[in-house]
Amino acid sequence: MQKIPHIVILGGGTGSYVVASGLNSMPVKISMLLTMVDDGGSNQTLRDEFGLLPTSGIRQSIVALSENQTILRELFTYRFHQGGKHLKGMTFGNLFMAAMADIMGSQKKGIEETCRLLQVKGDIIPVSYDDVRLVATYEDGNQVVGEHHIDEPSHDGKLKITNLETKPEAKLSPEAKQALLTADLIILGPGDFYTNTIANLIIDGLVETLKKSKAKILFISNLMTKYGETYNFTAKDFFKDLIKYLPLESIDYVLINNNTDFPKGVLPLYKEEESIPVKDDLKPSDLNNHVKLVRADVLSRFIPNKTKGDDLKRSMIRHDPDRLANVIMKLLKK
């Protein structure tokens, strides 16, 4: 009997949701390893009021991999657009998981039971259960504490991040370690480059585990730059910063979108936020002829609708789940 390929998606947020959504219909086993450092919006309430680690990334992942087609799945994505400051903007799914953690006696068991109820195909695993904050050091020497303050800066967002760490130190969860060691393919990105992708690589024990894993590693480059994290970055800049945290010899593939026909009317909105398309300037020589450069049309033609009560900034230009999945499956067969 042929072994089903095991794919680990290492990230968080919308980018990981998009990758998982496309792969969900493919003949693969999926494990999603998620950052647990989000401290903005409803996640701040979960941390401050309930003493829980953030669950928004977990909620998105559950929806991406859920085979439950009842009203519960739709209810899980419902976002309150009325009520006081702690309720408005909160999703039913986040409140549901907060209640489940209390009923089950721990957040870990609460996540497991929620996955069972939503008939999740695959595993959803926090990369660490430690309660930590991200700390970014910028080229001017200043530090910013907190994922939300890095992601939506009040400081000069044109400055480059020179170092990212967690305080206190976060340790890799045993379940995450096991998933990485048994994977056939590990996917990094797309998503907020520092607060999702690099935020995982700085977890104590993670890079060491990647080195031990026999899995191929794929990095999916972002479509757009981001003020506060990757201002005016090109594809080469993304890769140069990536290998500061993950050795080049550990990376097998870099996937870059080669379709620049973006949805009409969207780029001017990004320009207002000082965000531009990522220029593809990577060459095989930049990768020391070790990493295979893959270019493909993986751009979504659709602009997602924003739900009521959602005050956070969301990406409008996204990768296409099905196009991504097709490229990933081809890489698996090589």
Protein backbone atom coordinates (compact mmCIF):
# COMPACT_ATOMS: atom_id res chain seq x y z
CA MET A 1 0.00 0.00 0.00
CA GLN A 2 1.44 3.37 -1.04
CA LYS A 3 2.25 5.77 1.78
CA ILE A 4 0.20 8.96 1.86
CA PRO A 5 2.57 11.98 1.73
CA HIS A 6 2.74 13.98 4.95
CA ILE A 7 2.82 17.76 4.51
CA VAL A 8 3.56 20.12 7.37
CA ILE A 9 2.45 23.74 6.98
CA LEU A 10 4.59 25.85 9.29
CA GLY A 11 3.16 29.34 9.70
CA GLY A 12 -0.04 31.02 10.80
CA GLY A 13 -2.71 33.44 9.66
CA THR A 14 -4.27 33.82 6.23
CA GLY A 15 -1.29 32.48 4.30
CA SER A 16 -1.40 29.10 6.01
CA TYR A 17 -5.18 29.04 5.66
CA VAL A 18 -4.86 29.49 1.89
CA VAL A 19 -2.26 26.69 1.56
CA ALA A 20 -4.33 24.30 3.68
CA SER A 21 -7.56 25.11 1.83
CA GLY A 22 -6.02 24.02 -1.46
CA LEU A 23 -4.35 20.88 -0.11
CA ASN A 24 -7.41 19.74 1.83
CA SER A 25 -8.88 17.98 -1.21
CA MET A 26 -5.58 16.30 -2.14
CA PRO A 27 -4.50 12.75 -1.14
CA VAL A 28 -2.13 13.95 1.59
CA LYS A 29 -1.90 14.03 5.36
CA ILE A 30 -1.74 17.62 6.63
CA SER A 31 -0.27 18.92 9.87
CA MET A 32 -0.54 22.62 10.58
CA LEU A 33 2.05 24.00 13.01
CA LEU A 34 0.98 27.45 14.10
CA THR A 35 2.53 30.50 15.73
CA MET A 36 1.04 31.35 19.12
CA VAL A 37 2.27 34.93 19.51
CA ASP A 38 -0.63 36.99 18.12
CA ASP A 39 -1.64 39.68 20.63
CA GLY A 40 -3.86 42.00 18.60
CA GLY A 41 -7.64 42.29 18.31
CA SER A 42 -9.62 39.49 19.91
CA ASN A 43 -6.44 37.60 20.71
CA GLN A 44 -5.49 40.34 23.17
CA THR A 45 -8.80 39.75 24.94
CA LEU A 46 -8.16 36.00 25.05
CA ARG A 47 -4.76 36.61 26.60
CA ASP A 48 -5.82 39.33 29.05
CA GLU A 49 -9.31 38.18 30.03
CA PHE A 50 -9.06 34.38 29.74
CA GLY A 51 -5.34 33.75 30.24
CA LEU A 52 -5.25 31.75 26.99
CA LEU A 53 -2.81 31.65 24.11
CA PRO A 54 -4.17 33.21 20.88
CA THR A 55 -6.54 31.04 18.87
CA SER A 56 -7.26 33.01 15.67
CA GLY A 57 -4.71 31.04 13.66
CA ILE A 58 -6.07 27.79 15.06
CA ARG A 59 -9.63 28.84 14.22
CA GLN A 60 -8.69 29.63 10.62
CA SER A 61 -6.89 26.31 10.32
CA ILE A 62 -9.88 24.39 11.69
CA VAL A 63 -12.12 26.02 9.08
CA ALA A 64 -9.61 25.24 6.31
CA LEU A 65 -9.45 21.54 7.21
CA SER A 66 -12.98 20.99 8.51
CA GLU A 67 -15.16 18.41 6.78
CA ASN A 68 -18.17 19.45 8.85
CA GLN A 69 -20.66 21.08 6.49
CA THR A 70 -23.30 21.90 9.13
CA ILE A 71 -24.18 25.35 10.45
CA LEU A 72 -21.49 24.86 13.11
CA ARG A 73 -18.75 25.42 10.53
CA GLU A 74 -20.38 28.68 9.40
CA LEU A 75 -21.01 29.70 13.00
CA PHE A 76 -17.32 29.17 13.76
CA THR A 77 -16.40 31.99 11.36
CA TYR A 78 -19.08 34.40 12.59
CA ARG A 79 -17.66 37.71 13.82
CA PHE A 80 -19.64 39.88 16.25
CA HIS A 81 -20.11 43.38 14.83
CA GLN A 82 -22.09 44.76 17.76
CA GLY A 83 -21.56 44.91 21.51
CA GLY A 84 -18.94 46.37 23.81
CA LYS A 85 -15.24 46.76 23.07
CA HIS A 86 -14.44 43.21 24.20
CA LEU A 87 -17.20 41.57 22.14
CA LYS A 88 -17.20 43.59 18.94
CA GLY A 89 -14.74 42.06 16.49
CA MET A 90 -14.57 38.75 18.38
CA THR A 91 -15.35 35.60 16.44
CA PHE A 92 -17.72 32.97 17.76
CA GLY A 93 -14.98 30.40 17.10
CA ASN A 94 -12.56 32.11 19.47
CA LEU A 95 -15.18 32.27 22.23
CA PHE A 96 -16.13 28.65 21.54
CA MET A 97 -12.52 27.52 22.01
CA ALA A 98 -12.16 29.60 25.18
CA ALA A 99 -15.21 27.82 26.62
CA MET A 100 -13.92 24.45 25.41
CA ALA A 101 -10.56 25.00 27.11
CA ASP A 102 -12.37 25.68 30.39
CA ILE A 103 -14.62 22.63 30.04
CA MET A 104 -11.80 20.27 29.04
CA GLY A 105 -9.39 21.59 31.67
CA SER A 106 -6.66 22.78 29.31
CA GLN A 107 -6.27 24.67 26.06
CA LYS A 108 -4.53 21.69 24.47
CA LYS A 109 -7.45 19.34 25.16
CA GLY A 110 -9.88 22.06 24.14
CA ILE A 111 -8.25 22.35 20.73
CA GLU A 112 -8.31 18.57 20.28
CA GLU A 113 -12.02 18.34 21.15
CA THR A 114 -12.88 21.27 18.88
CA CYS A 115 -11.07 19.56 16.01
CA ARG A 116 -13.07 16.40 16.68
CA LEU A 117 -16.38 18.25 16.62
CA LEU A 118 -15.53 20.10 13.41
CA GLN A 119 -14.28 16.84 11.80
CA VAL A 120 -10.87 18.26 11.00
CA LYS A 121 -8.92 16.35 8.36
CA GLY A 122 -5.36 16.42 9.64
CA ASP A 123 -3.63 17.78 12.72
CA ILE A 124 -3.60 21.33 14.08
CA ILE A 125 -0.71 21.81 16.47
CA PRO A 126 0.57 24.88 18.34
CA VAL A 127 4.30 25.18 17.65
CA SER A 128 4.74 26.03 21.34
CA TYR A 129 2.49 26.26 24.39
CA ASP A 130 4.68 28.87 26.08
CA ASP A 131 3.18 32.29 26.77
CA VAL A 132 5.65 34.65 25.12
CA ARG A 133 5.86 37.97 23.29
CA LEU A 134 7.74 38.73 20.10
CA VAL A 135 10.55 41.28 20.37
CA ALA A 136 11.84 42.93 17.19
CA THR A 137 15.08 44.90 17.05
CA TYR A 138 15.34 47.45 14.23
CA GLU A 139 18.31 48.84 12.35
CA ASP A 140 18.25 52.00 14.48
CA GLY A 141 18.69 49.89 17.63
CA ASN A 142 15.17 50.37 18.96
CA GLN A 143 13.07 47.41 20.08
CA VAL A 144 9.33 46.83 19.73
CA VAL A 145 7.53 44.30 21.91
CA GLY A 146 4.40 42.49 20.76
CA GLU A 147 3.27 40.92 17.49
CA HIS A 148 0.52 43.49 17.00
CA HIS A 149 2.90 46.46 17.39
CA ILE A 150 5.33 44.90 14.90
CA ASP A 151 2.56 44.02 12.46
CA GLU A 152 0.81 47.40 12.61
CA PRO A 153 3.58 49.80 13.67
CA SER A 154 3.31 53.18 15.31
CA HIS A 155 7.08 53.52 14.74
CA ASP A 156 8.85 54.07 11.42
CA GLY A 157 7.79 51.01 9.44
CA LYS A 158 10.43 51.62 6.77
CA LEU A 159 13.13 50.46 9.16
CA LYS A 160 14.42 46.93 8.69
CA ILE A 161 14.18 44.31 11.41
CA THR A 162 17.67 43.08 12.26
CA ASN A 163 16.70 40.53 14.91
CA LEU A 164 13.59 38.74 16.13
CA GLU A 165 13.27 36.81 19.39
CA THR A 166 10.72 35.79 21.98
CA LYS A 167 10.69 36.78 25.62
CA PRO A 168 10.80 34.59 27.53
CA GLU A 169 12.25 31.78 25.43
CA ALA A 170 9.70 29.49 23.79
CA LYS A 171 10.27 25.75 23.42
CA LEU A 172 9.05 23.55 20.59
CA SER A 173 6.06 21.42 21.58
CA PRO A 174 6.61 17.62 21.44
CA GLU A 175 3.71 17.20 19.01
CA ALA A 176 5.19 19.80 16.66
CA LYS A 177 8.59 18.12 16.82
CA GLN A 178 7.11 14.74 15.93
CA ALA A 179 5.20 16.20 12.98
CA LEU A 180 8.37 17.80 11.58
CA LEU A 181 10.38 14.60 11.93
CA THR A 182 7.78 12.50 10.10
CA ALA A 183 7.04 14.97 7.29
CA ASP A 184 7.75 14.47 3.61
CA LEU A 185 7.41 18.17 2.81
CA ILE A 186 7.54 21.22 5.10
CA ILE A 187 6.07 24.49 3.82
CA LEU A 188 7.17 27.93 5.09
CA GLY A 189 4.99 30.88 4.11
CA PRO A 190 3.28 32.71 2.67
CA GLY A 191 2.13 35.14 5.35
CA ASP A 192 3.47 37.97 7.46
CA PHE A 193 7.15 37.23 7.03
CA TYR A 194 8.46 38.10 10.48
CA THR A 195 5.40 37.67 12.70
CA ASN A 196 4.39 34.31 11.18
CA THR A 197 7.26 32.67 9.28
CA ILE A 198 10.34 33.83 11.21
CA ALA A 199 8.37 33.77 14.47
CA ASN A 200 8.28 29.98 14.16
CA LEU A 201 11.95 29.60 13.26
CA ILE A 202 13.07 31.31 16.48
CA ILE A 203 11.31 28.75 18.68
CA ASP A 204 13.97 26.87 20.62
CA GLY A 205 14.56 23.48 19.03
CA LEU A 206 12.71 24.11 15.79
CA VAL A 207 15.61 24.76 13.41
CA GLU A 208 17.53 21.87 14.96
CA THR A 209 14.53 19.62 14.27
CA LEU A 210 14.31 20.85 10.68
CA LYS A 211 17.95 19.89 10.20
CA LYS A 212 17.20 16.36 11.46
CA SER A 213 14.04 15.94 9.39
CA LYS A 214 14.32 14.10 6.07
CA ALA A 215 11.55 16.28 4.61
CA LYS A 216 12.06 18.64 1.70
CA ILE A 217 11.53 22.29 2.67
CA LEU A 218 9.60 24.72 0.47
CA PHE A 219 9.52 28.47 1.03
CA ILE A 220 6.62 30.30 -0.64
CA SER A 221 7.49 33.94 -1.22
CA ASN A 222 5.00 36.69 -0.43
CA LEU A 223 3.14 38.57 -3.15
CA MET A 224 3.31 41.99 -1.51
CA THR A 225 5.70 43.89 0.73
CA LYS A 226 4.51 45.10 4.11
CA TYR A 227 5.17 48.35 5.92
CA GLY A 228 6.60 47.51 9.34
CA GLU A 229 8.04 44.13 8.38
CA THR A 230 9.26 43.97 4.80
CA TYR A 231 9.15 47.52 3.45
CA ASN A 232 10.26 47.57 -0.23
CA PHE A 233 11.59 44.00 0.01
CA THR A 234 12.40 42.13 -3.17
CA ALA A 235 12.39 38.34 -3.46
CA LYS A 236 16.14 38.40 -2.84
CA ASP A 237 15.61 40.39 0.39
CA PHE A 238 13.10 37.81 1.64
CA PHE A 239 15.53 34.99 0.97
CA LYS A 240 18.52 36.80 2.51
CA ASP A 241 16.57 37.37 5.72
CA LEU A 242 15.21 33.81 5.71
CA ILE A 243 18.69 32.25 5.72
CA LYS A 244 19.67 34.37 8.73
CA TYR A 245 17.41 32.04 10.72
CA LEU A 246 17.40 28.85 8.62
CA PRO A 247 20.59 27.57 6.95
CA LEU A 248 20.51 27.70 3.16
CA GLU A 249 21.39 24.01 2.89
CA SER A 250 18.15 23.15 4.72
CA ILE A 251 16.00 24.74 2.00
CA ASP A 252 15.10 22.77 -1.13
CA TYR A 253 12.61 24.93 -3.04
CA VAL A 254 11.60 28.57 -3.35
CA LEU A 255 8.27 29.25 -5.04
CA ILE A 256 7.66 32.67 -6.61
CA ASN A 257 4.48 33.82 -8.33
CA ASN A 258 5.13 34.89 -11.93
CA ASN A 259 1.74 36.45 -12.71
CA THR A 260 1.67 40.22 -12.15
CA ASP A 261 -1.84 40.75 -13.52
CA PHE A 262 -3.25 41.81 -10.15
CA PRO A 263 -6.98 42.41 -9.60
CA LYS A 264 -8.01 45.86 -10.83
CA GLY A 265 -8.19 48.72 -8.36
CA VAL A 266 -6.31 46.96 -5.56
CA LEU A 267 -2.72 48.16 -6.00
CA PRO A 268 -3.58 51.84 -5.28
CA LEU A 269 -5.08 50.75 -1.95
CA TYR A 270 -1.89 48.90 -1.10
CA LYS A 271 0.15 51.95 -2.13
CA GLU A 272 -1.70 53.99 0.50
CA GLU A 273 -0.28 51.54 3.06
CA GLU A 274 3.19 51.81 1.45
CA SER A 275 2.97 48.28 0.15
CA ILE A 276 4.03 47.20 -3.36
CA PRO A 277 4.33 43.91 -5.29
CA VAL A 278 7.43 41.89 -4.45
CA LYS A 279 9.92 42.22 -7.31
CA ASP A 280 11.26 38.89 -8.53
CA ASP A 281 15.03 39.42 -8.66
CA LEU A 282 16.18 35.98 -7.43
CA LYS A 283 18.68 34.08 -9.55
CA PRO A 284 19.97 30.50 -9.16
CA SER A 285 23.38 31.94 -8.24
CA ASP A 286 21.76 33.70 -5.25
CA LEU A 287 20.72 30.26 -4.02
CA ASN A 288 24.23 28.78 -4.38
CA ASN A 289 22.78 26.40 -6.99
CA HIS A 290 21.49 24.29 -4.08
CA VAL A 291 17.92 25.55 -3.86
CA LYS A 292 15.61 24.96 -6.81
CA LEU A 293 13.78 28.09 -7.92
CA VAL A 294 10.18 27.43 -9.00
CA ARG A 295 8.15 30.07 -10.80
CA ALA A 296 4.44 29.57 -11.40
CA ASP A 297 1.15 31.43 -11.73
CA VAL A 298 -0.27 31.06 -8.22
CA LEU A 299 -2.11 34.40 -8.02
CA SER A 300 -5.76 34.47 -6.99
CA ARG A 301 -8.13 36.30 -9.32
CA PHE A 302 -10.56 37.10 -6.54
CA ILE A 303 -10.67 39.80 -3.86
CA PRO A 304 -11.98 38.44 -0.53
CA ASN A 305 -14.86 40.22 1.16
CA LYS A 306 -14.27 41.72 4.58
CA THR A 307 -16.73 40.65 7.26
CA LYS A 308 -18.66 42.99 9.55
CA GLY A 309 -16.87 43.88 12.76
CA ASP A 310 -13.41 43.10 11.40
CA ASP A 311 -11.25 46.16 12.08
CA LEU A 312 -7.89 44.49 11.39
CA LYS A 313 -6.04 44.92 8.11
CA ARG A 314 -6.42 41.90 5.83
CA SER A 315 -4.63 40.99 2.62
CA MET A 316 -6.69 41.48 -0.55
CA ILE A 317 -4.08 40.11 -2.94
CA ARG A 318 -3.64 36.45 -2.12
CA HIS A 319 -2.30 33.20 -3.50
CA ASP A 320 -4.82 30.92 -5.18
CA PRO A 321 -5.37 27.78 -3.05
CA ASP A 322 -5.90 25.38 -5.94
CA ARG A 323 -3.02 26.70 -8.06
CA LEU A 324 -0.72 26.48 -5.04
CA ALA A 325 -1.86 22.94 -4.28
CA ASN A 326 -1.19 21.80 -7.85
CA VAL A 327 2.38 23.15 -7.77
CA ILE A 328 3.00 21.59 -4.35
CA MET A 329 1.75 18.18 -5.50
CA LYS A 330 4.08 18.29 -8.50
CA LEU A 331 7.02 19.00 -6.18
CA LEU A 332 6.02 16.05 -4.01
CA LYS A 333 6.26 13.69 -6.97
CA LYS A 334 9.83 14.73 -7.80
